[in-house]
Amino acid sequence: MPLFAIICDDRPGGQEIRAANRAAHLDYLRDTGVVVLAGPFQDDAGGMTGSLLVLDVADRAAAETWAAGDPYARAGLFASVAIRPWKKVVG
């Protein structure tokens, strides 16, 4: 199956939304079984400002459906979400 990178930027002031939904988000990542890697973007002070996820799913439609179901997305955390096909070369 192809890989897709999901690149998300938090909306301004989204720290409370992120904190309130973090456990559900992490459960979703684990329970869906399609996440290859995931982690937050950070500012210079170490605060979380967005997310990078790589999914192993059937197609773009599956990646879009997965992204829409993420508790962070459902809670309105993200100002923007980009989904791009991604090819692993190293690592």
PDB file of N, CA and C in Angstrom:
ATOM      1  N   MET A   1       0.845  -1.186   0.000  1.00  0.00           N
ATOM      2  CA  MET A   1       0.000   0.000   0.000  1.00  0.00           C
ATOM      3  C   MET A   1       0.881   1.237   0.000  1.00  0.00           C
ATOM      4  N   PRO A   2       0.387   2.305  -0.558  1.00  0.00           N
ATOM      5  CA  PRO A   2       1.184   3.538  -0.599  1.00  0.00           C
ATOM      6  C   PRO A   2       1.230   4.238   0.750  1.00  0.00           C
ATOM      7  N   LEU A   3       2.234   5.092   0.880  1.00  0.00           N
ATOM      8  CA  LEU A   3       2.388   5.910   2.077  1.00  0.00           C
ATOM      9  C   LEU A   3       1.919   7.328   1.781  1.00  0.00           C
ATOM     10  N   PHE A   4       1.342   7.954   2.802  1.00  0.00           N
ATOM     11  CA  PHE A   4       0.902   9.341   2.698  1.00  0.00           C
ATOM     12  C   PHE A   4       1.366  10.099   3.927  1.00  0.00           C
ATOM     13  N   ALA A   5       1.943  11.285   3.695  1.00  0.00           N
ATOM     14  CA  ALA A   5       2.312  12.181   4.786  1.00  0.00           C
ATOM     15  C   ALA A   5       1.149  13.133   5.029  1.00  0.00           C
ATOM     16  N   ILE A   6       0.830  13.310   6.282  1.00  0.00           N
ATOM     17  CA  ILE A   6      -0.187  14.278   6.687  1.00  0.00           C
ATOM     18  C   ILE A   6       0.534  15.345   7.501  1.00  0.00           C
ATOM     19  N   ILE A   7       0.477  16.588   7.009  1.00  0.00           N
ATOM     20  CA  ILE A   7       1.182  17.705   7.630  1.00  0.00           C
ATOM     21  C   ILE A   7       0.128  18.684   8.136  1.00  0.00           C
ATOM     22  N   CYS A   8       0.097  18.870   9.457  1.00  0.00           N
ATOM     23  CA  CYS A   8      -0.938  19.694  10.081  1.00  0.00           C
ATOM     24  C   CYS A   8      -0.312  20.852  10.847  1.00  0.00           C
ATOM     25  N   ASP A   9      -0.900  22.009  10.716  1.00  0.00           N
ATOM     26  CA  ASP A   9      -0.508  23.177  11.509  1.00  0.00           C
ATOM     27  C   ASP A   9      -1.648  23.514  12.455  1.00  0.00           C
ATOM     28  N   ASP A  10      -1.313  23.654  13.750  1.00  0.00           N
ATOM     29  CA  ASP A  10      -2.329  24.001  14.743  1.00  0.00           C
ATOM     30  C   ASP A  10      -2.834  25.416  14.521  1.00  0.00           C
ATOM     31  N   ARG A  11      -4.075  25.624  14.882  1.00  0.00           N
ATOM     32  CA  ARG A  11      -4.612  26.984  14.837  1.00  0.00           C
ATOM     33  C   ARG A  11      -4.030  27.769  16.015  1.00  0.00           C
ATOM     34  N   PRO A  12      -3.959  29.077  15.910  1.00  0.00           N
ATOM     35  CA  PRO A  12      -3.451  29.876  17.030  1.00  0.00           C
ATOM     36  C   PRO A  12      -4.267  29.606  18.289  1.00  0.00           C
ATOM     37  N   GLY A  13      -3.583  29.494  19.404  1.00  0.00           N
ATOM     38  CA  GLY A  13      -4.254  29.257  20.671  1.00  0.00           C
ATOM     39  C   GLY A  13      -4.787  27.842  20.833  1.00  0.00           C
ATOM     40  N   GLY A  14      -4.269  26.899  20.057  1.00  0.00           N
ATOM     41  CA  GLY A  14      -4.798  25.543  20.080  1.00  0.00           C
ATOM     42  C   GLY A  14      -4.254  24.645  21.173  1.00  0.00           C
ATOM     43  N   GLN A  15      -3.415  25.167  22.046  1.00  0.00           N
ATOM     44  CA  GLN A  15      -2.786  24.325  23.068  1.00  0.00           C
ATOM     45  C   GLN A  15      -3.805  23.623  23.963  1.00  0.00           C
ATOM     46  N   GLU A  16      -4.862  24.316  24.345  1.00  0.00           N
ATOM     47  CA  GLU A  16      -5.875  23.700  25.207  1.00  0.00           C
ATOM     48  C   GLU A  16      -6.615  22.588  24.475  1.00  0.00           C
ATOM     49  N   ILE A  17      -6.918  22.797  23.192  1.00  0.00           N
ATOM     50  CA  ILE A  17      -7.578  21.758  22.391  1.00  0.00           C
ATOM     51  C   ILE A  17      -6.668  20.542  22.281  1.00  0.00           C
ATOM     52  N   ARG A  18      -5.400  20.787  22.023  1.00  0.00           N
ATOM     53  CA  ARG A  18      -4.421  19.701  21.898  1.00  0.00           C
ATOM     54  C   ARG A  18      -4.357  18.911  23.213  1.00  0.00           C
ATOM     55  N   ALA A  19      -4.231  19.605  24.325  1.00  0.00           N
ATOM     56  CA  ALA A  19      -4.114  18.925  25.620  1.00  0.00           C
ATOM     57  C   ALA A  19      -5.380  18.127  25.947  1.00  0.00           C
ATOM     58  N   ALA A  20      -6.532  18.693  25.688  1.00  0.00           N
ATOM     59  CA  ALA A  20      -7.796  18.033  26.024  1.00  0.00           C
ATOM     60  C   ALA A  20      -8.052  16.793  25.183  1.00  0.00           C
ATOM     61  N   ASN A  21      -7.468  16.717  23.994  1.00  0.00           N
ATOM     62  CA  ASN A  21      -7.737  15.612  23.074  1.00  0.00           C
ATOM     63  C   ASN A  21      -6.544  14.700  22.844  1.00  0.00           C
ATOM     64  N   ARG A  22      -5.457  14.927  23.559  1.00  0.00           N
ATOM     65  CA  ARG A  22      -4.216  14.169  23.323  1.00  0.00           C
ATOM     66  C   ARG A  22      -4.396  12.663  23.551  1.00  0.00           C
ATOM     67  N   ALA A  23      -5.013  12.256  24.634  1.00  0.00           N
ATOM     68  CA  ALA A  23      -5.176  10.827  24.911  1.00  0.00           C
ATOM     69  C   ALA A  23      -5.994  10.150  23.812  1.00  0.00           C
ATOM     70  N   ALA A  24      -7.081  10.771  23.392  1.00  0.00           N
ATOM     71  CA  ALA A  24      -7.916  10.198  22.328  1.00  0.00           C
ATOM     72  C   ALA A  24      -7.150  10.146  21.007  1.00  0.00           C
ATOM     73  N   HIS A  25      -6.366  11.171  20.732  1.00  0.00           N
ATOM     74  CA  HIS A  25      -5.545  11.207  19.512  1.00  0.00           C
ATOM     75  C   HIS A  25      -4.541  10.051  19.525  1.00  0.00           C
ATOM     76  N   LEU A  26      -3.835   9.872  20.632  1.00  0.00           N
ATOM     77  CA  LEU A  26      -2.842   8.796  20.716  1.00  0.00           C
ATOM     78  C   LEU A  26      -3.499   7.424  20.622  1.00  0.00           C
ATOM     79  N   ASP A  27      -4.680   7.256  21.214  1.00  0.00           N
ATOM     80  CA  ASP A  27      -5.418   5.996  21.077  1.00  0.00           C
ATOM     81  C   ASP A  27      -5.780   5.743  19.621  1.00  0.00           C
ATOM     82  N   TYR A  28      -6.225   6.778  18.920  1.00  0.00           N
ATOM     83  CA  TYR A  28      -6.599   6.666  17.505  1.00  0.00           C
ATOM     84  C   TYR A  28      -5.398   6.239  16.673  1.00  0.00           C
ATOM     85  N   LEU A  29      -4.253   6.861  16.919  1.00  0.00           N
ATOM     86  CA  LEU A  29      -3.040   6.483  16.187  1.00  0.00           C
ATOM     87  C   LEU A  29      -2.722   5.010  16.398  1.00  0.00           C
ATOM     88  N   ARG A  30      -2.791   4.570  17.620  1.00  0.00           N
ATOM     89  CA  ARG A  30      -2.468   3.179  17.940  1.00  0.00           C
ATOM     90  C   ARG A  30      -3.538   2.223  17.409  1.00  0.00           C
ATOM     91  N   ASP A  31      -4.790   2.527  17.647  1.00  0.00           N
ATOM     92  CA  ASP A  31      -5.876   1.587  17.369  1.00  0.00           C
ATOM     93  C   ASP A  31      -6.192   1.412  15.886  1.00  0.00           C
ATOM     94  N   THR A  32      -5.919   2.418  15.064  1.00  0.00           N
ATOM     95  CA  THR A  32      -6.237   2.292  13.640  1.00  0.00           C
ATOM     96  C   THR A  32      -5.237   1.407  12.902  1.00  0.00           C
ATOM     97  N   GLY A  33      -4.028   1.262  13.428  1.00  0.00           N
ATOM     98  CA  GLY A  33      -3.061   0.339  12.859  1.00  0.00           C
ATOM     99  C   GLY A  33      -2.457   0.722  11.525  1.00  0.00           C
ATOM    100  N   VAL A  34      -2.567   1.982  11.117  1.00  0.00           N
ATOM    101  CA  VAL A  34      -2.026   2.392   9.816  1.00  0.00           C
ATOM    102  C   VAL A  34      -0.911   3.428   9.923  1.00  0.00           C
ATOM    103  N   VAL A  35      -0.587   3.843  11.141  1.00  0.00           N
ATOM    104  CA  VAL A  35       0.409   4.901  11.336  1.00  0.00           C
ATOM    105  C   VAL A  35       1.808   4.298  11.318  1.00  0.00           C
ATOM    106  N   VAL A  36       2.636   4.784  10.385  1.00  0.00           N
ATOM    107  CA  VAL A  36       4.029   4.345  10.270  1.00  0.00           C
ATOM    108  C   VAL A  36       4.902   5.141  11.228  1.00  0.00           C
ATOM    109  N   LEU A  37       4.668   6.440  11.285  1.00  0.00           N
ATOM    110  CA  LEU A  37       5.360   7.312  12.228  1.00  0.00           C
ATOM    111  C   LEU A  37       4.511   8.541  12.468  1.00  0.00           C
ATOM    112  N   ALA A  38       4.733   9.158  13.624  1.00  0.00           N
ATOM    113  CA  ALA A  38       3.953  10.338  13.973  1.00  0.00           C
ATOM    114  C   ALA A  38       4.678  11.122  15.054  1.00  0.00           C
ATOM    115  N   GLY A  39       4.463  12.425  15.046  1.00  0.00           N
ATOM    116  CA  GLY A  39       5.018  13.268  16.088  1.00  0.00           C
ATOM    117  C   GLY A  39       4.641  14.716  15.854  1.00  0.00           C
ATOM    118  N   PRO A  40       4.807  15.530  16.899  1.00  0.00           N
ATOM    119  CA  PRO A  40       4.432  16.932  16.795  1.00  0.00           C
ATOM    120  C   PRO A  40       5.560  17.801  16.235  1.00  0.00           C
ATOM    121  N   PHE A  41       5.167  18.858  15.548  1.00  0.00           N
ATOM    122  CA  PHE A  41       6.096  19.950  15.258  1.00  0.00           C
ATOM    123  C   PHE A  41       6.188  20.771  16.529  1.00  0.00           C
ATOM    124  N   GLN A  42       7.337  21.433  16.737  1.00  0.00           N
ATOM    125  CA  GLN A  42       7.524  22.232  17.940  1.00  0.00           C
ATOM    126  C   GLN A  42       8.064  23.611  17.595  1.00  0.00           C
ATOM    127  N   ASP A  43       7.752  24.570  18.460  1.00  0.00           N
ATOM    128  CA  ASP A  43       8.366  25.884  18.340  1.00  0.00           C
ATOM    129  C   ASP A  43       9.716  25.858  19.062  1.00  0.00           C
ATOM    130  N   ASP A  44      10.426  26.971  19.056  1.00  0.00           N
ATOM    131  CA  ASP A  44      11.761  27.024  19.667  1.00  0.00           C
ATOM    132  C   ASP A  44      11.748  26.753  21.169  1.00  0.00           C
ATOM    133  N   ALA A  45      10.617  26.966  21.816  1.00  0.00           N
ATOM    134  CA  ALA A  45      10.505  26.730  23.255  1.00  0.00           C
ATOM    135  C   ALA A  45      10.047  25.309  23.578  1.00  0.00           C
ATOM    136  N   GLY A  46       9.801  24.509  22.549  1.00  0.00           N
ATOM    137  CA  GLY A  46       9.368  23.132  22.760  1.00  0.00           C
ATOM    138  C   GLY A  46       7.866  22.936  22.778  1.00  0.00           C
ATOM    139  N   GLY A  47       7.113  23.998  22.559  1.00  0.00           N
ATOM    140  CA  GLY A  47       5.654  23.880  22.501  1.00  0.00           C
ATOM    141  C   GLY A  47       5.210  23.219  21.211  1.00  0.00           C
ATOM    142  N   MET A  48       4.163  22.420  21.273  1.00  0.00           N
ATOM    143  CA  MET A  48       3.656  21.724  20.094  1.00  0.00           C
ATOM    144  C   MET A  48       2.866  22.692  19.219  1.00  0.00           C
ATOM    145  N   THR A  49       3.154  22.652  17.910  1.00  0.00           N
ATOM    146  CA  THR A  49       2.541  23.593  16.976  1.00  0.00           C
ATOM    147  C   THR A  49       1.863  22.926  15.786  1.00  0.00           C
ATOM    148  N   GLY A  50       1.920  21.623  15.713  1.00  0.00           N
ATOM    149  CA  GLY A  50       1.338  20.910  14.588  1.00  0.00           C
ATOM    150  C   GLY A  50       1.717  19.446  14.667  1.00  0.00           C
ATOM    151  N   SER A  51       1.422  18.711  13.602  1.00  0.00           N
ATOM    152  CA  SER A  51       1.675  17.275  13.583  1.00  0.00           C
ATOM    153  C   SER A  51       2.169  16.826  12.223  1.00  0.00           C
ATOM    154  N   LEU A  52       3.026  15.809  12.253  1.00  0.00           N
ATOM    155  CA  LEU A  52       3.458  15.097  11.050  1.00  0.00           C
ATOM    156  C   LEU A  52       3.141  13.631  11.270  1.00  0.00           C
ATOM    157  N   LEU A  53       2.419  13.052  10.339  1.00  0.00           N
ATOM    158  CA  LEU A  53       2.082  11.635  10.411  1.00  0.00           C
ATOM    159  C   LEU A  53       2.345  11.010   9.052  1.00  0.00           C
ATOM    160  N   VAL A  54       2.783   9.780   9.047  1.00  0.00           N
ATOM    161  CA  VAL A  54       2.913   9.015   7.810  1.00  0.00           C
ATOM    162  C   VAL A  54       2.036   7.781   7.960  1.00  0.00           C
ATOM    163  N   LEU A  55       1.132   7.602   7.005  1.00  0.00           N
ATOM    164  CA  LEU A  55       0.176   6.497   7.033  1.00  0.00           C
ATOM    165  C   LEU A  55       0.457   5.510   5.911  1.00  0.00           C
ATOM    166  N   ASP A  56       0.191   4.254   6.170  1.00  0.00           N
ATOM    167  CA  ASP A  56       0.241   3.200   5.167  1.00  0.00           C
ATOM    168  C   ASP A  56      -1.203   2.778   4.922  1.00  0.00           C
ATOM    169  N   VAL A  57      -1.801   3.351   3.880  1.00  0.00           N
ATOM    170  CA  VAL A  57      -3.212   3.123   3.571  1.00  0.00           C
ATOM    171  C   VAL A  57      -3.383   2.834   2.086  1.00  0.00           C
ATOM    172  N   ALA A  58      -4.566   2.419   1.693  1.00  0.00           N
ATOM    173  CA  ALA A  58      -4.827   1.981   0.323  1.00  0.00           C
ATOM    174  C   ALA A  58      -4.695   3.093  -0.715  1.00  0.00           C
ATOM    175  N   ASP A  59      -5.134   4.307  -0.365  1.00  0.00           N
ATOM    176  CA  ASP A  59      -5.147   5.387  -1.345  1.00  0.00           C
ATOM    177  C   ASP A  59      -5.381   6.725  -0.646  1.00  0.00           C
ATOM    178  N   ARG A  60      -5.382   7.798  -1.438  1.00  0.00           N
ATOM    179  CA  ARG A  60      -5.579   9.140  -0.876  1.00  0.00           C
ATOM    180  C   ARG A  60      -6.919   9.257  -0.157  1.00  0.00           C
ATOM    181  N   ALA A  61      -7.955   8.652  -0.705  1.00  0.00           N
ATOM    182  CA  ALA A  61      -9.270   8.729  -0.059  1.00  0.00           C
ATOM    183  C   ALA A  61      -9.209   8.134   1.348  1.00  0.00           C
ATOM    184  N   ALA A  62      -8.496   7.041   1.515  1.00  0.00           N
ATOM    185  CA  ALA A  62      -8.348   6.435   2.843  1.00  0.00           C
ATOM    186  C   ALA A  62      -7.570   7.359   3.771  1.00  0.00           C
ATOM    187  N   ALA A  63      -6.542   8.019   3.243  1.00  0.00           N
ATOM    188  CA  ALA A  63      -5.770   8.972   4.058  1.00  0.00           C
ATOM    189  C   ALA A  63      -6.648  10.150   4.471  1.00  0.00           C
ATOM    190  N   GLU A  64      -7.464  10.637   3.566  1.00  0.00           N
ATOM    191  CA  GLU A  64      -8.362  11.751   3.877  1.00  0.00           C
ATOM    192  C   GLU A  64      -9.387  11.352   4.940  1.00  0.00           C
ATOM    193  N   THR A  65      -9.931  10.156   4.807  1.00  0.00           N
ATOM    194  CA  THR A  65     -10.897   9.663   5.781  1.00  0.00           C
ATOM    195  C   THR A  65     -10.247   9.507   7.148  1.00  0.00           C
ATOM    196  N   TRP A  66      -9.037   8.944   7.156  1.00  0.00           N
ATOM    197  CA  TRP A  66      -8.320   8.780   8.418  1.00  0.00           C
ATOM    198  C   TRP A  66      -8.067  10.142   9.060  1.00  0.00           C
ATOM    199  N   ALA A  67      -7.575  11.098   8.287  1.00  0.00           N
ATOM    200  CA  ALA A  67      -7.262  12.433   8.819  1.00  0.00           C
ATOM    201  C   ALA A  67      -8.509  13.101   9.386  1.00  0.00           C
ATOM    202  N   ALA A  68      -9.635  12.958   8.722  1.00  0.00           N
ATOM    203  CA  ALA A  68     -10.885  13.567   9.204  1.00  0.00           C
ATOM    204  C   ALA A  68     -11.358  12.936  10.503  1.00  0.00           C
ATOM    205  N   GLY A  69     -11.009  11.676  10.732  1.00  0.00           N
ATOM    206  CA  GLY A  69     -11.425  10.989  11.942  1.00  0.00           C
ATOM    207  C   GLY A  69     -10.523  11.203  13.142  1.00  0.00           C
ATOM    208  N   ASP A  70      -9.375  11.815  12.933  1.00  0.00           N
ATOM    209  CA  ASP A  70      -8.441  12.076  14.038  1.00  0.00           C
ATOM    210  C   ASP A  70      -9.131  12.980  15.063  1.00  0.00           C
ATOM    211  N   PRO A  71      -9.107  12.599  16.339  1.00  0.00           N
ATOM    212  CA  PRO A  71      -9.735  13.444  17.359  1.00  0.00           C
ATOM    213  C   PRO A  71      -9.245  14.895  17.354  1.00  0.00           C
ATOM    214  N   TYR A  72      -7.993  15.128  17.024  1.00  0.00           N
ATOM    215  CA  TYR A  72      -7.514  16.510  16.921  1.00  0.00           C
ATOM    216  C   TYR A  72      -8.281  17.256  15.828  1.00  0.00           C
ATOM    217  N   ALA A  73      -8.447  16.620  14.676  1.00  0.00           N
ATOM    218  CA  ALA A  73      -9.169  17.263  13.572  1.00  0.00           C
ATOM    219  C   ALA A  73     -10.633  17.488  13.950  1.00  0.00           C
ATOM    220  N   ARG A  74     -11.259  16.485  14.543  1.00  0.00           N
ATOM    221  CA  ARG A  74     -12.668  16.612  14.931  1.00  0.00           C
ATOM    222  C   ARG A  74     -12.875  17.706  15.961  1.00  0.00           C
ATOM    223  N   ALA A  75     -11.856  17.968  16.784  1.00  0.00           N
ATOM    224  CA  ALA A  75     -11.957  19.016  17.809  1.00  0.00           C
ATOM    225  C   ALA A  75     -11.632  20.402  17.261  1.00  0.00           C
ATOM    226  N   GLY A  76     -11.215  20.495  16.003  1.00  0.00           N
ATOM    227  CA  GLY A  76     -10.925  21.792  15.397  1.00  0.00           C
ATOM    228  C   GLY A  76      -9.542  22.331  15.688  1.00  0.00           C
ATOM    229  N   LEU A  77      -8.584  21.455  16.008  1.00  0.00           N
ATOM    230  CA  LEU A  77      -7.238  21.913  16.359  1.00  0.00           C
ATOM    231  C   LEU A  77      -6.484  22.510  15.177  1.00  0.00           C
ATOM    232  N   PHE A  78      -6.675  21.971  13.990  1.00  0.00           N
ATOM    233  CA  PHE A  78      -5.798  22.325  12.883  1.00  0.00           C
ATOM    234  C   PHE A  78      -6.290  23.520  12.058  1.00  0.00           C
ATOM    235  N   ALA A  79      -5.354  24.432  11.783  1.00  0.00           N
ATOM    236  CA  ALA A  79      -5.617  25.547  10.874  1.00  0.00           C
ATOM    237  C   ALA A  79      -5.487  25.083   9.430  1.00  0.00           C
ATOM    238  N   SER A  80      -4.595  24.105   9.208  1.00  0.00           N
ATOM    239  CA  SER A  80      -4.419  23.570   7.858  1.00  0.00           C
ATOM    240  C   SER A  80      -3.967  22.121   7.944  1.00  0.00           C
ATOM    241  N   VAL A  81      -4.348  21.364   6.924  1.00  0.00           N
ATOM    242  CA  VAL A  81      -3.953  19.965   6.800  1.00  0.00           C
ATOM    243  C   VAL A  81      -3.611  19.717   5.336  1.00  0.00           C
ATOM    244  N   ALA A  82      -2.410  19.200   5.097  1.00  0.00           N
ATOM    245  CA  ALA A  82      -1.992  18.818   3.745  1.00  0.00           C
ATOM    246  C   ALA A  82      -1.733  17.322   3.745  1.00  0.00           C
ATOM    247  N   ILE A  83      -2.190  16.656   2.698  1.00  0.00           N
ATOM    248  CA  ILE A  83      -1.960  15.222   2.540  1.00  0.00           C
ATOM    249  C   ILE A  83      -1.200  15.038   1.245  1.00  0.00           C
ATOM    250  N   ARG A  84      -0.025  14.392   1.361  1.00  0.00           N
ATOM    251  CA  ARG A  84       0.839  14.219   0.192  1.00  0.00           C
ATOM    252  C   ARG A  84       1.334  12.783   0.109  1.00  0.00           C
ATOM    253  N   PRO A  85       1.369  12.223  -1.095  1.00  0.00           N
ATOM    254  CA  PRO A  85       2.008  10.917  -1.253  1.00  0.00           C
ATOM    255  C   PRO A  85       3.462  11.025  -0.833  1.00  0.00           C
ATOM    256  N   TRP A  86       3.969   9.979  -0.180  1.00  0.00           N
ATOM    257  CA  TRP A  86       5.334  10.017   0.359  1.00  0.00           C
ATOM    258  C   TRP A  86       6.021   8.702   0.083  1.00  0.00           C
ATOM    259  N   LYS A  87       7.276   8.766  -0.289  1.00  0.00           N
ATOM    260  CA  LYS A  87       8.074   7.568  -0.580  1.00  0.00           C
ATOM    261  C   LYS A  87       9.226   7.474   0.411  1.00  0.00           C
ATOM    262  N   LYS A  88       9.284   6.380   1.137  1.00  0.00           N
ATOM    263  CA  LYS A  88      10.386   6.154   2.065  1.00  0.00           C
ATOM    264  C   LYS A  88      11.621   5.743   1.271  1.00  0.00           C
ATOM    265  N   VAL A  89      12.733   6.427   1.507  1.00  0.00           N
ATOM    266  CA  VAL A  89      13.985   6.118   0.827  1.00  0.00           C
ATOM    267  C   VAL A  89      15.045   5.651   1.838  1.00  0.00           C
ATOM    268  N   VAL A  90      15.114   6.312   2.978  1.00  0.00           N
ATOM    269  CA  VAL A  90      16.116   5.967   4.012  1.00  0.00           C
ATOM    270  C   VAL A  90      15.401   5.830   5.346  1.00  0.00           C
ATOM    271  N   GLY A  91      15.834   4.867   6.152  1.00  0.00           N
ATOM    272  CA  GLY A  91      15.317   4.761   7.508  1.00  0.00           C
ATOM    273  C   GLY A  91      14.446   3.606   7.766  1.00  0.00           C
TER     274      GLY A  91
END
